[in-house]
Amino acid sequence: MASGAHPQTSDFVDFACRLYLDIGMITRTARGHTGRPIKASMPEVLAVSLIGAAVAWSAAFLICLWIFTPWLMSTRLDGKDG
């Protein structure tokens, strides 16, 4: 884990890397065991790209949670109700 990194951040990065590796392994294994060329097709490249987009969206959402959760769990700064 990187110095100062939050444990959940490390878990998230580990999960993201595993997704990429899993798609790559499935692609390689399926192509190799069925006699097809070991070269990813456009749908397979798209699958990896979609994982990248999902990881980026998840990271953005986690950043928002990190910022807004403490705000929403505490009292208002102006002292008003609600």
Foldseek 3Di string as FASTA:
>chain_A
DDPPDDPVVVVLVVVLVVVLVVLLVVLQVVCVVVVHDSDDDPVSVVVNVVSVVVSVVVVVVVVVCVPCVVVVVDDDPVPDDD
